[in-house]
Every structure is written in structure tokens, then in C-alpha cells.
Amino acid sequence: MTLSRGTWYAAGAALALAVTACGGGSGSPAASGSPSPSATSSSPAATATTPPSAKTPTTPPPANDTPAGRTIEVTITGKRVTPAPATIDLKVGEKLTLIVTSDHDDEIHAHGFDVTGTLKAGTPSTVTVTGTEPGVFEVETHEPPLMLMRLAVR
């Protein structure tokens, strides 16, 4: 039996998603097995998963560009993420600061950057990541599991 090219692509995509999925609160390296990008955090952060039925927009949220990098503010209300999850392009060496405010206590995790932390209800948490290795990495919460965005380091 010969598998079609589409079947191989689908299998590869499924494997990539499985490799980058959240693993019990610890960071997962990029699917390629390359070293993780670096990150700093002034407040702990965590990751989450979007239900399979949820769609990810391709339009990134507005960002504030500065010489030191970009800043994106994210608000979590219940199970709603604002702005809606999107893929954010990040150049190798570029810094991105996330300011996340949640209406409930939670954890936030930036996969591939090995940044985890705690969100306190109503208190903004700041996380800064620097893309050091190419790959696509999810930023998510754990309770409930919500994807905040994907970071595509290119």
C-alpha cells in the first residue's frame, strides 16, 4: 500500500503538534529538537491548548514596536482570549514582551522558551522572550487550557 503525499503531510503535522503539546507544566523544546530560545520573566508564565474546534486567526494582534522589541497585551476573561490567538512572526534575535492580565489565577507557559509562571487575578504579568532558534512555539495557560498565541521564530 502506497501512501499519498497528503497523507504524509498530515502525519507530519500531527507529529509536530504532538511534540509541541504541553507536557505537564514543563517546557517542551522545538519539534526540531534544537536548543530552546531564551526568555526572561518578571512574573511567571505558562502555556495552554486550544480545543481542536477552535480556529486560529492568521492576523496578529496589534503590537507596540520599540527599539527594544515589541510588546503585546493579552487579556483573559473566563475562556476568552483578547486579542484572539494568532501566529506572531518573530525574527531570530528579536525580543517580544507579553503583558497578560487574567480574571482568574492561572499559569502561563511559553513552549520552547521554557518560561512558566503564575498569573494572579487582575494583576498584569510581564513575560519577555527572545527568539534564538527557528520554530513555532505556543504560549498558553493551564486552567483552563487556552492558547494565547503561536510564536513563529524565523
N, C-alpha and C. Protein backbone atom coordinates (compact mmCIF):
# COMPACT_ATOMS: atom_id res chain seq x y z
N MET A 1 0.84 -1.17 0.00
CA MET A 1 0.00 0.00 0.00
C MET A 1 0.88 1.24 0.00
N THR A 2 0.64 2.17 -0.91
CA THR A 2 1.42 3.39 -1.03
C THR A 2 0.61 4.55 -0.47
N LEU A 3 1.24 5.34 0.40
CA LEU A 3 0.55 6.48 0.99
C LEU A 3 0.75 7.71 0.11
N SER A 4 -0.28 8.51 -0.01
CA SER A 4 -0.20 9.73 -0.82
C SER A 4 0.63 10.78 -0.11
N ARG A 5 1.07 11.77 -0.87
CA ARG A 5 1.84 12.87 -0.31
C ARG A 5 1.04 13.60 0.77
N GLY A 6 -0.28 13.78 0.53
CA GLY A 6 -1.15 14.44 1.51
C GLY A 6 -1.19 13.68 2.83
N THR A 7 -1.21 12.34 2.75
CA THR A 7 -1.23 11.53 3.97
C THR A 7 0.06 11.74 4.76
N TRP A 8 1.19 11.79 4.05
CA TRP A 8 2.47 12.02 4.72
C TRP A 8 2.51 13.39 5.38
N TYR A 9 1.99 14.44 4.69
CA TYR A 9 1.96 15.78 5.26
C TYR A 9 1.08 15.82 6.51
N ALA A 10 -0.07 15.16 6.45
CA ALA A 10 -0.98 15.14 7.59
C ALA A 10 -0.33 14.43 8.78
N ALA A 11 0.35 13.32 8.51
CA ALA A 11 1.03 12.58 9.58
C ALA A 11 2.13 13.43 10.19
N GLY A 12 2.88 14.15 9.35
CA GLY A 12 3.95 15.02 9.84
C GLY A 12 3.40 16.15 10.69
N ALA A 13 2.29 16.74 10.26
CA ALA A 13 1.67 17.83 11.02
C ALA A 13 1.18 17.32 12.38
N ALA A 14 0.57 16.14 12.39
CA ALA A 14 0.08 15.56 13.64
C ALA A 14 1.24 15.29 14.59
N LEU A 15 2.35 14.79 14.07
CA LEU A 15 3.52 14.52 14.89
C LEU A 15 4.07 15.82 15.46
N ALA A 16 4.15 16.86 14.64
CA ALA A 16 4.66 18.14 15.10
C ALA A 16 3.80 18.70 16.22
N LEU A 17 2.49 18.58 16.10
CA LEU A 17 1.60 19.06 17.15
C LEU A 17 1.78 18.25 18.43
N ALA A 18 1.95 16.95 18.30
CA ALA A 18 2.12 16.10 19.47
C ALA A 18 3.42 16.44 20.20
N VAL A 19 4.48 16.74 19.45
CA VAL A 19 5.77 17.04 20.04
C VAL A 19 5.74 18.37 20.78
N THR A 20 4.99 19.35 20.25
CA THR A 20 4.96 20.67 20.88
C THR A 20 3.85 20.82 21.90
N ALA A 21 3.05 19.78 22.12
CA ALA A 21 1.94 19.87 23.08
C ALA A 21 2.47 20.07 24.49
N CYS A 22 1.68 20.66 25.33
CA CYS A 22 2.06 20.95 26.71
C CYS A 22 2.34 19.65 27.45
N GLY A 23 3.43 19.59 28.16
CA GLY A 23 3.82 18.35 28.84
C GLY A 23 3.86 18.51 30.34
N GLY A 24 2.73 18.55 30.98
CA GLY A 24 2.67 18.51 32.44
C GLY A 24 3.33 19.68 33.13
N GLY A 25 3.29 20.87 32.50
CA GLY A 25 3.78 22.06 33.17
C GLY A 25 5.23 22.37 32.87
N SER A 26 5.97 21.47 32.21
CA SER A 26 7.35 21.79 31.89
C SER A 26 7.44 22.18 30.44
N GLY A 27 8.44 22.97 30.09
CA GLY A 27 8.58 23.46 28.73
C GLY A 27 8.96 22.35 27.77
N SER A 28 8.50 22.45 26.56
CA SER A 28 8.84 21.50 25.52
C SER A 28 9.75 22.17 24.52
N PRO A 29 10.87 21.55 24.13
CA PRO A 29 11.73 22.16 23.13
C PRO A 29 11.05 22.14 21.77
N ALA A 30 11.62 22.86 20.85
CA ALA A 30 11.07 22.92 19.50
C ALA A 30 11.00 21.52 18.92
N ALA A 31 10.04 21.31 18.02
CA ALA A 31 9.84 20.00 17.43
C ALA A 31 11.09 19.50 16.72
N SER A 32 11.96 20.41 16.28
CA SER A 32 13.16 20.02 15.56
C SER A 32 14.20 19.42 16.49
N GLY A 33 14.01 19.56 17.80
CA GLY A 33 14.98 19.04 18.75
C GLY A 33 16.12 20.00 18.98
N SER A 34 16.08 21.19 18.39
CA SER A 34 17.14 22.17 18.56
C SER A 34 17.00 22.83 19.91
N PRO A 35 18.04 23.51 20.37
CA PRO A 35 18.00 24.15 21.68
C PRO A 35 16.85 25.14 21.76
N SER A 36 16.38 25.37 22.98
CA SER A 36 15.24 26.26 23.19
C SER A 36 15.65 27.71 23.10
N PRO A 37 14.74 28.58 22.61
CA PRO A 37 15.00 30.02 22.63
C PRO A 37 15.07 30.49 24.07
N SER A 38 15.74 31.64 24.30
CA SER A 38 15.87 32.13 25.65
C SER A 38 14.69 33.00 26.01
N ALA A 39 14.48 33.18 27.31
CA ALA A 39 13.37 34.02 27.77
C ALA A 39 13.68 34.56 29.15
N THR A 40 13.06 35.69 29.47
CA THR A 40 13.12 36.23 30.80
C THR A 40 11.71 36.55 31.23
N SER A 41 11.50 36.60 32.53
CA SER A 41 10.15 36.85 33.02
C SER A 41 10.21 37.63 34.31
N SER A 42 9.45 38.74 34.37
CA SER A 42 9.36 39.47 35.62
C SER A 42 8.23 38.92 36.46
N SER A 43 7.43 38.07 35.87
CA SER A 43 6.36 37.37 36.56
C SER A 43 6.21 36.04 35.86
N PRO A 44 6.03 34.96 36.56
CA PRO A 44 5.98 33.64 35.93
C PRO A 44 4.91 33.55 34.85
N ALA A 45 5.11 32.61 33.91
CA ALA A 45 4.20 32.45 32.79
C ALA A 45 3.94 30.98 32.49
N ALA A 46 2.88 30.62 31.67
CA ALA A 46 2.52 29.23 31.37
C ALA A 46 1.90 29.05 30.00
N THR A 47 1.63 27.80 29.53
CA THR A 47 1.03 27.54 28.23
C THR A 47 -0.32 26.86 28.33
N ALA A 48 -1.09 26.86 27.23
CA ALA A 48 -2.40 26.19 27.20
C ALA A 48 -2.71 25.70 25.81
N THR A 49 -3.71 24.88 25.71
CA THR A 49 -4.08 24.32 24.42
C THR A 49 -5.46 24.80 24.02
N THR A 50 -5.62 25.06 22.74
CA THR A 50 -6.91 25.46 22.21
C THR A 50 -7.65 24.20 21.81
N PRO A 51 -8.93 24.10 22.12
CA PRO A 51 -9.69 22.93 21.71
C PRO A 51 -9.60 22.74 20.20
N PRO A 52 -9.62 21.48 19.70
CA PRO A 52 -9.48 21.23 18.27
C PRO A 52 -10.49 22.00 17.43
N SER A 53 -11.65 22.31 17.98
CA SER A 53 -12.67 23.01 17.21
C SER A 53 -12.39 24.49 17.07
N ALA A 54 -11.47 25.04 17.88
CA ALA A 54 -11.18 26.47 17.82
C ALA A 54 -10.31 26.78 16.61
N LYS A 55 -10.57 27.92 15.99
CA LYS A 55 -9.78 28.35 14.84
C LYS A 55 -8.78 29.39 15.29
N THR A 56 -7.60 29.39 14.66
CA THR A 56 -6.57 30.36 14.97
C THR A 56 -6.49 31.37 13.84
N PRO A 57 -6.80 32.65 14.11
CA PRO A 57 -6.71 33.65 13.06
C PRO A 57 -5.27 33.82 12.61
N THR A 58 -5.08 34.25 11.39
CA THR A 58 -3.74 34.48 10.89
C THR A 58 -3.33 35.94 11.03
N THR A 59 -4.25 36.81 11.42
CA THR A 59 -3.94 38.22 11.62
C THR A 59 -3.43 38.41 13.04
N PRO A 60 -2.17 38.88 13.18
CA PRO A 60 -1.63 39.05 14.52
C PRO A 60 -2.29 40.23 15.24
N PRO A 61 -2.29 40.19 16.57
CA PRO A 61 -2.83 41.31 17.33
C PRO A 61 -1.94 42.53 17.17
N PRO A 62 -2.47 43.72 17.44
CA PRO A 62 -1.64 44.92 17.34
C PRO A 62 -0.51 44.85 18.36
N ALA A 63 0.64 45.33 17.97
CA ALA A 63 1.80 45.31 18.86
C ALA A 63 2.38 46.71 18.94
N ASN A 64 2.97 47.03 20.07
CA ASN A 64 3.66 48.30 20.24
C ASN A 64 5.13 48.05 19.96
N ASP A 65 5.64 48.61 18.86
CA ASP A 65 7.04 48.42 18.50
C ASP A 65 7.91 49.46 19.19
N THR A 66 9.03 48.99 19.75
CA THR A 66 10.01 49.89 20.36
C THR A 66 11.38 49.42 19.92
N PRO A 67 12.41 50.23 20.11
CA PRO A 67 13.76 49.79 19.74
C PRO A 67 14.17 48.52 20.49
N ALA A 68 13.61 48.31 21.68
CA ALA A 68 13.97 47.13 22.49
C ALA A 68 13.15 45.91 22.10
N GLY A 69 12.23 46.04 21.13
CA GLY A 69 11.40 44.91 20.72
C GLY A 69 9.94 45.30 20.68
N ARG A 70 9.08 44.30 20.62
CA ARG A 70 7.64 44.54 20.56
C ARG A 70 6.98 44.17 21.87
N THR A 71 5.81 44.79 22.12
CA THR A 71 5.01 44.48 23.30
C THR A 71 3.60 44.17 22.84
N ILE A 72 3.05 43.07 23.36
CA ILE A 72 1.67 42.70 23.06
C ILE A 72 0.94 42.50 24.38
N GLU A 73 -0.23 43.15 24.51
CA GLU A 73 -1.05 42.99 25.70
C GLU A 73 -2.15 41.98 25.42
N VAL A 74 -2.35 41.04 26.36
CA VAL A 74 -3.36 39.99 26.22
C VAL A 74 -4.22 40.01 27.48
N THR A 75 -5.54 39.88 27.28
CA THR A 75 -6.48 39.81 28.40
C THR A 75 -7.23 38.50 28.33
N ILE A 76 -7.36 37.84 29.49
CA ILE A 76 -8.11 36.59 29.57
C ILE A 76 -9.32 36.83 30.47
N THR A 77 -10.50 36.59 29.91
CA THR A 77 -11.74 36.71 30.66
C THR A 77 -12.47 35.37 30.53
N GLY A 78 -12.51 34.61 31.61
CA GLY A 78 -13.08 33.26 31.55
C GLY A 78 -12.28 32.42 30.59
N LYS A 79 -12.93 31.98 29.49
CA LYS A 79 -12.25 31.19 28.46
C LYS A 79 -12.01 32.01 27.20
N ARG A 80 -12.14 33.32 27.30
CA ARG A 80 -11.97 34.20 26.14
C ARG A 80 -10.61 34.91 26.20
N VAL A 81 -9.88 34.85 25.09
CA VAL A 81 -8.57 35.48 24.97
C VAL A 81 -8.72 36.66 24.01
N THR A 82 -8.28 37.86 24.46
CA THR A 82 -8.34 39.06 23.64
C THR A 82 -6.96 39.69 23.59
N PRO A 83 -6.41 39.96 22.41
CA PRO A 83 -6.96 39.65 21.10
C PRO A 83 -6.97 38.13 20.87
N ALA A 84 -7.77 37.72 19.89
CA ALA A 84 -7.90 36.29 19.57
C ALA A 84 -6.53 35.71 19.23
N PRO A 85 -6.29 34.44 19.59
CA PRO A 85 -5.00 33.81 19.30
C PRO A 85 -4.63 33.93 17.82
N ALA A 86 -3.37 34.24 17.57
CA ALA A 86 -2.85 34.38 16.21
C ALA A 86 -1.40 33.93 16.21
N THR A 87 -0.84 33.80 15.03
CA THR A 87 0.58 33.47 14.90
C THR A 87 1.35 34.78 14.76
N ILE A 88 2.31 34.99 15.64
CA ILE A 88 3.13 36.19 15.66
C ILE A 88 4.50 35.84 15.11
N ASP A 89 4.93 36.54 14.06
CA ASP A 89 6.26 36.32 13.50
C ASP A 89 7.28 37.05 14.36
N LEU A 90 8.37 36.35 14.65
CA LEU A 90 9.44 36.88 15.47
C LEU A 90 10.75 36.54 14.78
N LYS A 91 11.57 37.54 14.52
CA LYS A 91 12.86 37.29 13.89
C LYS A 91 13.82 36.69 14.91
N VAL A 92 14.76 35.88 14.44
CA VAL A 92 15.79 35.35 15.33
C VAL A 92 16.50 36.55 15.94
N GLY A 93 16.62 36.55 17.26
CA GLY A 93 17.25 37.64 17.99
C GLY A 93 16.28 38.73 18.44
N GLU A 94 15.06 38.72 17.94
CA GLU A 94 14.07 39.74 18.31
C GLU A 94 13.44 39.42 19.66
N LYS A 95 13.15 40.48 20.43
CA LYS A 95 12.50 40.32 21.74
C LYS A 95 11.02 40.66 21.62
N LEU A 96 10.22 39.93 22.39
CA LEU A 96 8.79 40.18 22.47
C LEU A 96 8.39 40.17 23.94
N THR A 97 7.73 41.24 24.37
CA THR A 97 7.24 41.32 25.73
C THR A 97 5.74 41.11 25.71
N LEU A 98 5.27 40.18 26.51
CA LEU A 98 3.84 39.90 26.65
C LEU A 98 3.39 40.42 28.01
N ILE A 99 2.30 41.19 28.00
CA ILE A 99 1.70 41.65 29.25
C ILE A 99 0.33 40.97 29.32
N VAL A 100 0.19 40.02 30.23
CA VAL A 100 -1.02 39.19 30.31
C VAL A 100 -1.78 39.51 31.60
N THR A 101 -3.06 39.83 31.43
CA THR A 101 -3.94 40.08 32.58
C THR A 101 -5.08 39.08 32.50
N SER A 102 -5.33 38.36 33.58
CA SER A 102 -6.37 37.34 33.63
C SER A 102 -7.37 37.68 34.73
N ASP A 103 -8.62 37.25 34.55
CA ASP A 103 -9.63 37.48 35.58
C ASP A 103 -9.62 36.37 36.64
N HIS A 104 -8.70 35.42 36.50
CA HIS A 104 -8.59 34.33 37.47
C HIS A 104 -7.12 33.91 37.61
N ASP A 105 -6.80 33.29 38.73
CA ASP A 105 -5.44 32.78 38.94
C ASP A 105 -5.19 31.65 37.95
N ASP A 106 -3.98 31.56 37.43
CA ASP A 106 -3.66 30.56 36.42
C ASP A 106 -2.15 30.45 36.30
N GLU A 107 -1.71 29.61 35.37
CA GLU A 107 -0.30 29.51 34.99
C GLU A 107 -0.20 29.89 33.53
N ILE A 108 0.94 30.41 33.14
CA ILE A 108 1.21 30.73 31.74
C ILE A 108 2.53 30.06 31.37
N HIS A 109 2.63 29.60 30.13
CA HIS A 109 3.82 28.88 29.69
C HIS A 109 4.12 29.22 28.25
N ALA A 110 5.36 29.55 27.97
CA ALA A 110 5.82 29.79 26.60
C ALA A 110 6.66 28.59 26.20
N HIS A 111 6.05 27.68 25.43
CA HIS A 111 6.76 26.48 24.97
C HIS A 111 8.00 26.87 24.18
N GLY A 112 9.04 26.08 24.30
CA GLY A 112 10.27 26.32 23.56
C GLY A 112 11.14 27.40 24.17
N PHE A 113 10.56 28.22 25.03
CA PHE A 113 11.32 29.26 25.72
C PHE A 113 11.53 28.85 27.18
N ASP A 114 10.85 27.78 27.59
CA ASP A 114 10.93 27.27 28.96
C ASP A 114 10.63 28.34 30.01
N VAL A 115 9.61 29.15 29.74
CA VAL A 115 9.17 30.16 30.68
C VAL A 115 7.83 29.71 31.23
N THR A 116 7.74 29.59 32.54
CA THR A 116 6.47 29.27 33.19
C THR A 116 6.29 30.25 34.33
N GLY A 117 5.06 30.44 34.73
CA GLY A 117 4.84 31.36 35.83
C GLY A 117 3.42 31.34 36.29
N THR A 118 3.11 32.28 37.17
CA THR A 118 1.81 32.37 37.79
C THR A 118 1.12 33.66 37.39
N LEU A 119 -0.16 33.54 37.03
CA LEU A 119 -1.00 34.70 36.79
C LEU A 119 -1.87 34.90 38.02
N LYS A 120 -1.89 36.08 38.57
CA LYS A 120 -2.75 36.43 39.70
C LYS A 120 -3.92 37.25 39.14
N ALA A 121 -5.12 36.89 39.54
CA ALA A 121 -6.32 37.55 39.03
C ALA A 121 -6.21 39.07 39.13
N GLY A 122 -6.44 39.75 37.98
CA GLY A 122 -6.45 41.21 37.93
C GLY A 122 -5.10 41.88 37.93
N THR A 123 -4.01 41.13 38.05
CA THR A 123 -2.66 41.70 38.09
C THR A 123 -1.91 41.38 36.81
N PRO A 124 -1.50 42.41 36.06
CA PRO A 124 -0.74 42.13 34.83
C PRO A 124 0.57 41.40 35.14
N SER A 125 0.87 40.42 34.31
CA SER A 125 2.12 39.65 34.41
C SER A 125 2.91 39.91 33.14
N THR A 126 4.18 40.24 33.28
CA THR A 126 5.02 40.57 32.13
C THR A 126 6.01 39.44 31.87
N VAL A 127 6.07 39.01 30.61
CA VAL A 127 6.99 37.96 30.19
C VAL A 127 7.70 38.46 28.94
N THR A 128 9.03 38.36 28.92
CA THR A 128 9.79 38.76 27.74
C THR A 128 10.53 37.53 27.21
N VAL A 129 10.36 37.27 25.92
CA VAL A 129 11.04 36.15 25.28
C VAL A 129 11.89 36.68 24.14
N THR A 130 12.97 35.97 23.85
CA THR A 130 13.83 36.30 22.73
C THR A 130 13.94 35.08 21.85
N GLY A 131 13.60 35.23 20.58
CA GLY A 131 13.70 34.12 19.64
C GLY A 131 15.14 33.84 19.29
N THR A 132 15.66 32.71 19.76
CA THR A 132 17.05 32.36 19.45
C THR A 132 17.16 31.20 18.46
N GLU A 133 16.12 30.38 18.36
CA GLU A 133 16.12 29.25 17.44
C GLU A 133 14.84 29.27 16.61
N PRO A 134 14.94 29.02 15.30
CA PRO A 134 13.73 28.98 14.47
C PRO A 134 12.78 27.88 14.91
N GLY A 135 11.50 28.14 14.75
CA GLY A 135 10.47 27.17 15.09
C GLY A 135 9.17 27.88 15.40
N VAL A 136 8.13 27.10 15.63
CA VAL A 136 6.82 27.64 16.00
C VAL A 136 6.50 27.13 17.40
N PHE A 137 6.20 28.06 18.30
CA PHE A 137 6.03 27.74 19.72
C PHE A 137 4.72 28.33 20.23
N GLU A 138 4.00 27.59 21.06
CA GLU A 138 2.74 28.07 21.61
C GLU A 138 2.96 28.73 22.97
N VAL A 139 2.16 29.77 23.21
CA VAL A 139 2.08 30.41 24.51
C VAL A 139 0.67 30.13 25.00
N GLU A 140 0.55 29.54 26.19
CA GLU A 140 -0.77 29.10 26.64
C GLU A 140 -0.91 29.16 28.15
N THR A 141 -2.17 29.01 28.61
CA THR A 141 -2.45 28.91 30.03
C THR A 141 -2.86 27.47 30.33
N HIS A 142 -2.98 27.15 31.61
CA HIS A 142 -3.29 25.77 32.00
C HIS A 142 -4.69 25.57 32.55
N GLU A 143 -5.25 26.52 33.29
CA GLU A 143 -6.55 26.32 33.96
C GLU A 143 -7.50 27.46 33.66
N PRO A 144 -8.29 27.44 32.65
CA PRO A 144 -8.47 26.37 31.69
C PRO A 144 -7.38 26.42 30.62
N PRO A 145 -7.18 25.33 29.90
CA PRO A 145 -6.17 25.33 28.84
C PRO A 145 -6.60 26.24 27.68
N LEU A 146 -5.87 27.34 27.51
CA LEU A 146 -6.16 28.31 26.44
C LEU A 146 -4.88 28.67 25.71
N MET A 147 -4.92 28.66 24.39
CA MET A 147 -3.78 29.15 23.63
C MET A 147 -3.89 30.66 23.51
N LEU A 148 -2.81 31.37 23.88
CA LEU A 148 -2.80 32.81 23.76
C LEU A 148 -2.29 33.24 22.40
N MET A 149 -1.30 32.51 21.88
CA MET A 149 -0.72 32.82 20.56
C MET A 149 0.31 31.76 20.21
N ARG A 150 0.72 31.78 18.95
CA ARG A 150 1.87 30.99 18.48
C ARG A 150 2.95 31.98 18.11
N LEU A 151 4.18 31.67 18.48
CA LEU A 151 5.32 32.50 18.11
C LEU A 151 6.11 31.77 17.04
N ALA A 152 6.18 32.35 15.85
CA ALA A 152 6.92 31.75 14.73
C ALA A 152 8.25 32.46 14.61
N VAL A 153 9.30 31.84 15.13
CA VAL A 153 10.65 32.41 15.08
C VAL A 153 11.25 32.01 13.74
N ARG A 154 11.59 33.01 12.95
CA ARG A 154 12.13 32.76 11.60
C ARG A 154 13.43 33.51 11.38
